[in-house]
Every structure is written in structure tokens, then in C-alpha cells.
mmCIF file of all heavy atoms, coordinates in Angstrom:
data_MODEL
# 
_entry.id   MODEL 
# 
loop_
_atom_site.group_PDB 
_atom_site.id 
_atom_site.type_symbol 
_atom_site.label_atom_id 
_atom_site.label_alt_id 
_atom_site.label_comp_id 
_atom_site.label_asym_id 
_atom_site.label_entity_id 
_atom_site.label_seq_id 
_atom_site.pdbx_PDB_ins_code 
_atom_site.Cartn_x 
_atom_site.Cartn_y 
_atom_site.Cartn_z 
_atom_site.occupancy 
_atom_site.B_iso_or_equiv 
_atom_site.pdbx_formal_charge 
_atom_site.auth_seq_id 
_atom_site.auth_comp_id 
_atom_site.auth_asym_id 
_atom_site.auth_atom_id 
_atom_site.pdbx_PDB_model_num 
ATOM 1   N N   . PRO A 1 1  ? -84.273  -16.232 84.492 1.00 0.00 ? 1  PRO A N   1 
ATOM 2   C CA  . PRO A 1 1  ? -83.107  -16.074 83.604 1.00 0.00 ? 1  PRO A CA  1 
ATOM 3   C C   . PRO A 1 1  ? -83.278  -16.698 82.224 1.00 0.00 ? 1  PRO A C   1 
ATOM 4   O O   . PRO A 1 1  ? -82.534  -16.367 81.308 1.00 0.00 ? 1  PRO A O   1 
ATOM 5   C CB  . PRO A 1 1  ? -81.976  -16.759 84.378 1.00 0.00 ? 1  PRO A CB  1 
ATOM 6   C CG  . PRO A 1 1  ? -82.639  -17.659 85.357 1.00 0.00 ? 1  PRO A CG  1 
ATOM 7   C CD  . PRO A 1 1  ? -83.965  -17.048 85.667 1.00 0.00 ? 1  PRO A CD  1 
ATOM 8   N N   . GLU A 1 2  ? -84.261  -17.573 82.061 1.00 0.00 ? 2  GLU A N   1 
ATOM 9   C CA  . GLU A 1 2  ? -84.461  -18.226 80.761 1.00 0.00 ? 2  GLU A CA  1 
ATOM 10  C C   . GLU A 1 2  ? -85.184  -17.319 79.763 1.00 0.00 ? 2  GLU A C   1 
ATOM 11  O O   . GLU A 1 2  ? -85.141  -17.557 78.558 1.00 0.00 ? 2  GLU A O   1 
ATOM 12  C CB  . GLU A 1 2  ? -85.249  -19.534 80.930 1.00 0.00 ? 2  GLU A CB  1 
ATOM 13  C CG  . GLU A 1 2  ? -86.731  -19.360 81.235 1.00 0.00 ? 2  GLU A CG  1 
ATOM 14  C CD  . GLU A 1 2  ? -87.049  -18.913 82.666 1.00 0.00 ? 2  GLU A CD  1 
ATOM 15  O OE1 . GLU A 1 2  ? -86.144  -18.901 83.523 1.00 0.00 ? 2  GLU A OE1 1 
ATOM 16  O OE2 . GLU A 1 2  ? -88.198  -18.533 82.919 1.00 0.00 ? 2  GLU A OE2 1 
ATOM 17  N N   . GLN A 1 3  ? -85.832  -16.254 80.227 1.00 0.00 ? 3  GLN A N   1 
ATOM 18  C CA  . GLN A 1 3  ? -86.595  -15.406 79.311 1.00 0.00 ? 3  GLN A CA  1 
ATOM 19  C C   . GLN A 1 3  ? -85.666  -14.501 78.513 1.00 0.00 ? 3  GLN A C   1 
ATOM 20  O O   . GLN A 1 3  ? -84.556  -14.195 78.918 1.00 0.00 ? 3  GLN A O   1 
ATOM 21  C CB  . GLN A 1 3  ? -87.642  -14.589 80.066 1.00 0.00 ? 3  GLN A CB  1 
ATOM 22  C CG  . GLN A 1 3  ? -87.125  -13.301 80.678 1.00 0.00 ? 3  GLN A CG  1 
ATOM 23  C CD  . GLN A 1 3  ? -88.236  -12.419 81.179 1.00 0.00 ? 3  GLN A CD  1 
ATOM 24  O OE1 . GLN A 1 3  ? -89.295  -12.359 80.589 1.00 0.00 ? 3  GLN A OE1 1 
ATOM 25  N NE2 . GLN A 1 3  ? -87.996  -11.751 82.285 1.00 0.00 ? 3  GLN A NE2 1 
ATOM 26  N N   . ARG A 1 4  ? -86.146  -14.077 77.350 1.00 0.00 ? 4  ARG A N   1 
ATOM 27  C CA  . ARG A 1 4  ? -85.388  -13.154 76.512 1.00 0.00 ? 4  ARG A CA  1 
ATOM 28  C C   . ARG A 1 4  ? -85.369  -11.792 77.202 1.00 0.00 ? 4  ARG A C   1 
ATOM 29  O O   . ARG A 1 4  ? -86.387  -11.349 77.748 1.00 0.00 ? 4  ARG A O   1 
ATOM 30  C CB  . ARG A 1 4  ? -86.030  -13.025 75.145 1.00 0.00 ? 4  ARG A CB  1 
ATOM 31  C CG  . ARG A 1 4  ? -86.035  -14.324 74.371 1.00 0.00 ? 4  ARG A CG  1 
ATOM 32  C CD  . ARG A 1 4  ? -86.873  -14.175 73.155 1.00 0.00 ? 4  ARG A CD  1 
ATOM 33  N NE  . ARG A 1 4  ? -86.010  -14.300 71.995 1.00 0.00 ? 4  ARG A NE  1 
ATOM 34  C CZ  . ARG A 1 4  ? -86.433  -14.159 70.762 1.00 0.00 ? 4  ARG A CZ  1 
ATOM 35  N NH1 . ARG A 1 4  ? -87.680  -13.871 70.525 1.00 0.00 ? 4  ARG A NH1 1 
ATOM 36  N NH2 . ARG A 1 4  ? -85.600  -14.311 69.760 1.00 0.00 ? 4  ARG A NH2 1 
ATOM 37  N N   . ILE A 1 5  ? -84.246  -11.118 77.117 1.00 0.00 ? 5  ILE A N   1 
ATOM 38  C CA  . ILE A 1 5  ? -84.105  -9.833  77.807 1.00 0.00 ? 5  ILE A CA  1 
ATOM 39  C C   . ILE A 1 5  ? -85.101  -8.806  77.277 1.00 0.00 ? 5  ILE A C   1 
ATOM 40  O O   . ILE A 1 5  ? -85.594  -7.956  78.010 1.00 0.00 ? 5  ILE A O   1 
ATOM 41  C CB  . ILE A 1 5  ? -82.655  -9.314  77.732 1.00 0.00 ? 5  ILE A CB  1 
ATOM 42  C CG1 . ILE A 1 5  ? -82.435  -8.224  78.762 1.00 0.00 ? 5  ILE A CG1 1 
ATOM 43  C CG2 . ILE A 1 5  ? -82.300  -8.845  76.328 1.00 0.00 ? 5  ILE A CG2 1 
ATOM 44  C CD1 . ILE A 1 5  ? -80.991  -7.901  79.019 1.00 0.00 ? 5  ILE A CD1 1 
ATOM 45  N N   . GLY A 1 6  ? -85.457  -8.901  76.001 1.00 0.00 ? 6  GLY A N   1 
ATOM 46  C CA  . GLY A 1 6  ? -86.422  -7.978  75.421 1.00 0.00 ? 6  GLY A CA  1 
ATOM 47  C C   . GLY A 1 6  ? -87.840  -8.172  75.928 1.00 0.00 ? 6  GLY A C   1 
ATOM 48  O O   . GLY A 1 6  ? -88.708  -7.338  75.710 1.00 0.00 ? 6  GLY A O   1 
ATOM 49  N N   . ARG A 1 7  ? -88.094  -9.261  76.598 1.00 0.00 ? 7  ARG A N   1 
ATOM 50  C CA  . ARG A 1 7  ? -89.422  -9.547  77.148 1.00 0.00 ? 7  ARG A CA  1 
ATOM 51  C C   . ARG A 1 7  ? -89.583  -9.018  78.577 1.00 0.00 ? 7  ARG A C   1 
ATOM 52  O O   . ARG A 1 7  ? -90.669  -9.071  79.132 1.00 0.00 ? 7  ARG A O   1 
ATOM 53  C CB  . ARG A 1 7  ? -89.694  -11.056 77.159 1.00 0.00 ? 7  ARG A CB  1 
ATOM 54  C CG  . ARG A 1 7  ? -89.784  -11.644 75.781 1.00 0.00 ? 7  ARG A CG  1 
ATOM 55  C CD  . ARG A 1 7  ? -91.148  -11.393 75.253 1.00 0.00 ? 7  ARG A CD  1 
ATOM 56  N NE  . ARG A 1 7  ? -91.274  -12.006 73.942 1.00 0.00 ? 7  ARG A NE  1 
ATOM 57  C CZ  . ARG A 1 7  ? -92.014  -11.491 73.003 1.00 0.00 ? 7  ARG A CZ  1 
ATOM 58  N NH1 . ARG A 1 7  ? -92.681  -10.398 73.208 1.00 0.00 ? 7  ARG A NH1 1 
ATOM 59  N NH2 . ARG A 1 7  ? -92.096  -12.071 71.836 1.00 0.00 ? 7  ARG A NH2 1 
ATOM 60  N N   . ALA A 1 8  ? -88.506  -8.552  79.175 1.00 0.00 ? 8  ALA A N   1 
ATOM 61  C CA  . ALA A 1 8  ? -88.582  -8.059  80.556 1.00 0.00 ? 8  ALA A CA  1 
ATOM 62  C C   . ALA A 1 8  ? -89.459  -6.808  80.606 1.00 0.00 ? 8  ALA A C   1 
ATOM 63  O O   . ALA A 1 8  ? -89.377  -5.941  79.739 1.00 0.00 ? 8  ALA A O   1 
ATOM 64  C CB  . ALA A 1 8  ? -87.189  -7.745  81.083 1.00 0.00 ? 8  ALA A CB  1 
ATOM 65  N N   . ASP A 1 9  ? -90.299  -6.727  81.624 1.00 0.00 ? 9  ASP A N   1 
ATOM 66  C CA  . ASP A 1 9  ? -91.196  -5.585  81.785 1.00 0.00 ? 9  ASP A CA  1 
ATOM 67  C C   . ASP A 1 9  ? -90.473  -4.503  82.582 1.00 0.00 ? 9  ASP A C   1 
ATOM 68  O O   . ASP A 1 9  ? -90.169  -4.683  83.753 1.00 0.00 ? 9  ASP A O   1 
ATOM 69  C CB  . ASP A 1 9  ? -92.465  -6.030  82.517 1.00 0.00 ? 9  ASP A CB  1 
ATOM 70  C CG  . ASP A 1 9  ? -93.506  -4.926  82.567 1.00 0.00 ? 9  ASP A CG  1 
ATOM 71  O OD1 . ASP A 1 9  ? -93.299  -3.882  81.910 1.00 0.00 ? 9  ASP A OD1 1 
ATOM 72  O OD2 . ASP A 1 9  ? -94.518  -5.111  83.258 1.00 0.00 ? 9  ASP A OD2 1 
ATOM 73  N N   . LEU A 1 10 ? -90.202  -3.386  81.943 1.00 0.00 ? 10 LEU A N   1 
ATOM 74  C CA  . LEU A 1 10 ? -89.458  -2.307  82.582 1.00 0.00 ? 10 LEU A CA  1 
ATOM 75  C C   . LEU A 1 10 ? -90.354  -1.220  83.157 1.00 0.00 ? 10 LEU A C   1 
ATOM 76  O O   . LEU A 1 10 ? -89.879  -0.346  83.864 1.00 0.00 ? 10 LEU A O   1 
ATOM 77  C CB  . LEU A 1 10 ? -88.489  -1.670  81.579 1.00 0.00 ? 10 LEU A CB  1 
ATOM 78  C CG  . LEU A 1 10 ? -87.480  -2.609  80.928 1.00 0.00 ? 10 LEU A CG  1 
ATOM 79  C CD1 . LEU A 1 10 ? -86.573  -1.826  79.993 1.00 0.00 ? 10 LEU A CD1 1 
ATOM 80  C CD2 . LEU A 1 10 ? -86.667  -3.346  81.947 1.00 0.00 ? 10 LEU A CD2 1 
ATOM 81  N N   . LEU A 1 11 ? -91.641  -1.266  82.839 1.00 0.00 ? 11 LEU A N   1 
ATOM 82  C CA  . LEU A 1 11 ? -92.536  -0.194  83.254 1.00 0.00 ? 11 LEU A CA  1 
ATOM 83  C C   . LEU A 1 11 ? -93.092  -0.433  84.651 1.00 0.00 ? 11 LEU A C   1 
ATOM 84  O O   . LEU A 1 11 ? -93.401  -1.561  85.022 1.00 0.00 ? 11 LEU A O   1 
ATOM 85  C CB  . LEU A 1 11 ? -93.687  -0.064  82.262 1.00 0.00 ? 11 LEU A CB  1 
ATOM 86  C CG  . LEU A 1 11 ? -93.284  0.277   80.826 1.00 0.00 ? 11 LEU A CG  1 
ATOM 87  C CD1 . LEU A 1 11 ? -94.506  0.320   79.944 1.00 0.00 ? 11 LEU A CD1 1 
ATOM 88  C CD2 . LEU A 1 11 ? -92.524  1.584   80.768 1.00 0.00 ? 11 LEU A CD2 1 
ATOM 89  N N   . ALA A 1 12 ? -93.226  0.646   85.408 1.00 0.00 ? 12 ALA A N   1 
ATOM 90  C CA  . ALA A 1 12 ? -93.814  0.579   86.748 1.00 0.00 ? 12 ALA A CA  1 
ATOM 91  C C   . ALA A 1 12 ? -95.336  0.523   86.623 1.00 0.00 ? 12 ALA A C   1 
ATOM 92  O O   . ALA A 1 12 ? -95.895  0.775   85.560 1.00 0.00 ? 12 ALA A O   1 
ATOM 93  C CB  . ALA A 1 12 ? -93.400  1.797   87.568 1.00 0.00 ? 12 ALA A CB  1 
ATOM 94  N N   . ASP A 1 13 ? -95.984  0.204   87.723 1.00 0.00 ? 13 ASP A N   1 
ATOM 95  C CA  . ASP A 1 13 ? -97.447  0.175   87.748 1.00 0.00 ? 13 ASP A CA  1 
ATOM 96  C C   . ASP A 1 13 ? -97.987  1.526   87.264 1.00 0.00 ? 13 ASP A C   1 
ATOM 97  O O   . ASP A 1 13 ? -97.558  2.576   87.699 1.00 0.00 ? 13 ASP A O   1 
ATOM 98  C CB  . ASP A 1 13 ? -97.961  -0.104  89.162 1.00 0.00 ? 13 ASP A CB  1 
ATOM 99  C CG  . ASP A 1 13 ? -97.593  -1.500  89.641 1.00 0.00 ? 13 ASP A CG  1 
ATOM 100 O OD1 . ASP A 1 13 ? -97.317  -2.363  88.787 1.00 0.00 ? 13 ASP A OD1 1 
ATOM 101 O OD2 . ASP A 1 13 ? -97.573  -1.718  90.870 1.00 0.00 ? 13 ASP A OD2 1 
ATOM 102 N N   . GLY A 1 14 ? -98.902  1.494   86.362 1.00 0.00 ? 14 GLY A N   1 
ATOM 103 C CA  . GLY A 1 14 ? -99.525  2.715   85.872 1.00 0.00 ? 14 GLY A CA  1 
ATOM 104 C C   . GLY A 1 14 ? -98.820  3.334   84.673 1.00 0.00 ? 14 GLY A C   1 
ATOM 105 O O   . GLY A 1 14 ? -99.433  4.094   83.931 1.00 0.00 ? 14 GLY A O   1 
ATOM 106 N N   . GLU A 1 15 ? -97.525  3.054   84.480 1.00 0.00 ? 15 GLU A N   1 
ATOM 107 C CA  . GLU A 1 15 ? -96.808  3.660   83.355 1.00 0.00 ? 15 GLU A CA  1 
ATOM 108 C C   . GLU A 1 15 ? -97.333  3.163   82.010 1.00 0.00 ? 15 GLU A C   1 
ATOM 109 O O   . GLU A 1 15 ? -97.467  3.944   81.070 1.00 0.00 ? 15 GLU A O   1 
ATOM 110 C CB  . GLU A 1 15 ? -95.306  3.383   83.448 1.00 0.00 ? 15 GLU A CB  1 
ATOM 111 C CG  . GLU A 1 15 ? -94.598  4.202   84.484 1.00 0.00 ? 15 GLU A CG  1 
ATOM 112 C CD  . GLU A 1 15 ? -93.107  3.928   84.530 1.00 0.00 ? 15 GLU A CD  1 
ATOM 113 O OE1 . GLU A 1 15 ? -92.680  2.771   84.330 1.00 0.00 ? 15 GLU A OE1 1 
ATOM 114 O OE2 . GLU A 1 15 ? -92.352  4.888   84.772 1.00 0.00 ? 15 GLU A OE2 1 
ATOM 115 N N   . ARG A 1 16 ? -97.616  1.883   81.915 1.00 0.00 ? 16 ARG A N   1 
ATOM 116 C CA  . ARG A 1 16 ? -98.112  1.335   80.649 1.00 0.00 ? 16 ARG A CA  1 
ATOM 117 C C   . ARG A 1 16 ? -99.449  1.983   80.282 1.00 0.00 ? 16 ARG A C   1 
ATOM 118 O O   . ARG A 1 16 ? -99.673  2.390   79.155 1.00 0.00 ? 16 ARG A O   1 
ATOM 119 C CB  . ARG A 1 16 ? -98.250  -0.179  80.735 1.00 0.00 ? 16 ARG A CB  1 
ATOM 120 C CG  . ARG A 1 16 ? -98.801  -0.781  79.442 1.00 0.00 ? 16 ARG A CG  1 
ATOM 121 C CD  . ARG A 1 16 ? -98.687  -2.284  79.375 1.00 0.00 ? 16 ARG A CD  1 
ATOM 122 N NE  . ARG A 1 16 ? -97.323  -2.643  79.012 1.00 0.00 ? 16 ARG A NE  1 
ATOM 123 C CZ  . ARG A 1 16 ? -96.395  -3.056  79.872 1.00 0.00 ? 16 ARG A CZ  1 
ATOM 124 N NH1 . ARG A 1 16 ? -96.678  -3.210  81.127 1.00 0.00 ? 16 ARG A NH1 1 
ATOM 125 N NH2 . ARG A 1 16 ? -95.179  -3.333  79.471 1.00 0.00 ? 16 ARG A NH2 1 
ATOM 126 N N   . ALA A 1 17 ? -100.343 2.076   81.255 1.00 0.00 ? 17 ALA A N   1 
ATOM 127 C CA  . ALA A 1 17 ? -101.646 2.689   80.994 1.00 0.00 ? 17 ALA A CA  1 
ATOM 128 C C   . ALA A 1 17 ? -101.477 4.147   80.584 1.00 0.00 ? 17 ALA A C   1 
ATOM 129 O O   . ALA A 1 17 ? -102.152 4.634   79.674 1.00 0.00 ? 17 ALA A O   1 
ATOM 130 C CB  . ALA A 1 17 ? -102.538 2.582   82.223 1.00 0.00 ? 17 ALA A CB  1 
ATOM 131 N N   . ALA A 1 18 ? -100.561 4.858   81.236 1.00 0.00 ? 18 ALA A N   1 
ATOM 132 C CA  . ALA A 1 18 ? -100.324 6.261   80.885 1.00 0.00 ? 18 ALA A CA  1 
ATOM 133 C C   . ALA A 1 18 ? -99.758  6.383   79.471 1.00 0.00 ? 18 ALA A C   1 
ATOM 134 O O   . ALA A 1 18 ? -100.131 7.280   78.713 1.00 0.00 ? 18 ALA A O   1 
ATOM 135 C CB  . ALA A 1 18 ? -99.378  6.904   81.893 1.00 0.00 ? 18 ALA A CB  1 
ATOM 136 N N   . LEU A 1 19 ? -98.860  5.478   79.096 1.00 0.00 ? 19 LEU A N   1 
ATOM 137 C CA  . LEU A 1 19 ? -98.278  5.517   77.759 1.00 0.00 ? 19 LEU A CA  1 
ATOM 138 C C   . LEU A 1 19 ? -99.300  5.162   76.686 1.00 0.00 ? 19 LEU A C   1 
ATOM 139 O O   . LEU A 1 19 ? -99.325  5.766   75.613 1.00 0.00 ? 19 LEU A O   1 
ATOM 140 C CB  . LEU A 1 19 ? -97.087  4.551   77.666 1.00 0.00 ? 19 LEU A CB  1 
ATOM 141 C CG  . LEU A 1 19 ? -95.820  4.986   78.374 1.00 0.00 ? 19 LEU A CG  1 
ATOM 142 C CD1 . LEU A 1 19 ? -94.793  3.874   78.356 1.00 0.00 ? 19 LEU A CD1 1 
ATOM 143 C CD2 . LEU A 1 19 ? -95.239  6.227   77.713 1.00 0.00 ? 19 LEU A CD2 1 
ATOM 144 N N   . LEU A 1 20 ? -100.128 4.182   76.973 1.00 0.00 ? 20 LEU A N   1 
ATOM 145 C CA  . LEU A 1 20 ? -101.107 3.756   75.988 1.00 0.00 ? 20 LEU A CA  1 
ATOM 146 C C   . LEU A 1 20 ? -102.288 4.709   75.904 1.00 0.00 ? 20 LEU A C   1 
ATOM 147 O O   . LEU A 1 20 ? -102.987 4.753   74.899 1.00 0.00 ? 20 LEU A O   1 
ATOM 148 C CB  . LEU A 1 20 ? -101.600 2.341   76.302 1.00 0.00 ? 20 LEU A CB  1 
ATOM 149 C CG  . LEU A 1 20 ? -100.549 1.240   76.139 1.00 0.00 ? 20 LEU A CG  1 
ATOM 150 C CD1 . LEU A 1 20 ? -101.102 -0.089  76.608 1.00 0.00 ? 20 LEU A CD1 1 
ATOM 151 C CD2 . LEU A 1 20 ? -100.075 1.160   74.702 1.00 0.00 ? 20 LEU A CD2 1 
ATOM 152 N N   . GLY A 1 21 ? -102.520 5.475   76.962 1.00 0.00 ? 21 GLY A N   1 
ATOM 153 C CA  . GLY A 1 21 ? -103.596 6.452   76.962 1.00 0.00 ? 21 GLY A CA  1 
ATOM 154 C C   . GLY A 1 21 ? -104.944 5.847   76.617 1.00 0.00 ? 21 GLY A C   1 
ATOM 155 O O   . GLY A 1 21 ? -105.719 6.430   75.885 1.00 0.00 ? 21 GLY A O   1 
ATOM 156 N N   . GLY A 1 22 ? -105.203 4.655   77.122 1.00 0.00 ? 22 GLY A N   1 
ATOM 157 C CA  . GLY A 1 22 ? -106.470 4.006   76.871 1.00 0.00 ? 22 GLY A CA  1 
ATOM 158 C C   . GLY A 1 22 ? -106.498 3.163   75.617 1.00 0.00 ? 22 GLY A C   1 
ATOM 159 O O   . GLY A 1 22 ? -107.489 2.526   75.316 1.00 0.00 ? 22 GLY A O   1 
ATOM 160 N N   . HIS A 1 23 ? -105.416 3.136   74.858 1.00 0.00 ? 23 HIS A N   1 
ATOM 161 C CA  . HIS A 1 23 ? -105.370 2.310   73.655 1.00 0.00 ? 23 HIS A CA  1 
ATOM 162 C C   . HIS A 1 23 ? -105.069 0.862   74.029 1.00 0.00 ? 23 HIS A C   1 
ATOM 163 O O   . HIS A 1 23 ? -104.524 0.583   75.086 1.00 0.00 ? 23 HIS A O   1 
ATOM 164 C CB  . HIS A 1 23 ? -104.281 2.814   72.695 1.00 0.00 ? 23 HIS A CB  1 
ATOM 165 C CG  . HIS A 1 23 ? -104.533 4.200   72.211 1.00 0.00 ? 23 HIS A CG  1 
ATOM 166 N ND1 . HIS A 1 23 ? -105.519 4.490   71.296 1.00 0.00 ? 23 HIS A ND1 1 
ATOM 167 C CD2 . HIS A 1 23 ? -103.947 5.373   72.521 1.00 0.00 ? 23 HIS A CD2 1 
ATOM 168 C CE1 . HIS A 1 23 ? -105.518 5.790   71.062 1.00 0.00 ? 23 HIS A CE1 1 
ATOM 169 N NE2 . HIS A 1 23 ? -104.576 6.350   71.796 1.00 0.00 ? 23 HIS A NE2 1 
ATOM 170 N N   . ARG A 1 24 ? -105.410 -0.043  73.118 1.00 0.00 ? 24 ARG A N   1 
ATOM 171 C CA  . ARG A 1 24 ? -105.118 -1.457  73.336 1.00 0.00 ? 24 ARG A CA  1 
ATOM 172 C C   . ARG A 1 24 ? -103.612 -1.677  73.284 1.00 0.00 ? 24 ARG A C   1 
ATOM 173 O O   . ARG A 1 24 ? -102.907 -1.036  72.504 1.00 0.00 ? 24 ARG A O   1 
ATOM 174 C CB  . ARG A 1 24 ? -105.749 -2.306  72.235 1.00 0.00 ? 24 ARG A CB  1 
ATOM 175 C CG  . ARG A 1 24 ? -107.236 -2.360  72.260 1.00 0.00 ? 24 ARG A CG  1 
ATOM 176 C CD  . ARG A 1 24 ? -107.780 -3.352  71.233 1.00 0.00 ? 24 ARG A CD  1 
ATOM 177 N NE  . ARG A 1 24 ? -106.841 -3.790  70.229 1.00 0.00 ? 24 ARG A NE  1 
ATOM 178 C CZ  . ARG A 1 24 ? -106.896 -3.466  68.952 1.00 0.00 ? 24 ARG A CZ  1 
ATOM 179 N NH1 . ARG A 1 24 ? -107.846 -2.688  68.508 1.00 0.00 ? 24 ARG A NH1 1 
ATOM 180 N NH2 . ARG A 1 24 ? -106.015 -3.916  68.099 1.00 0.00 ? 24 ARG A NH2 1 
# 
């Protein structure tokens, strides 16, 4: 609860990699 709400990770496993498409 101490973390900023904007820092919460909303993506499921694999979604970040799919969105980044291999980019950093």
C-alpha cells in the first residue's frame, strides 16, 4: 500500500514482451 498507484504492474506475464516487441 505504500507504493504509488502509477507504479503498479498491470500487465500479465508475456504482455510486456508482446507490447515491447523485443525493444528495451
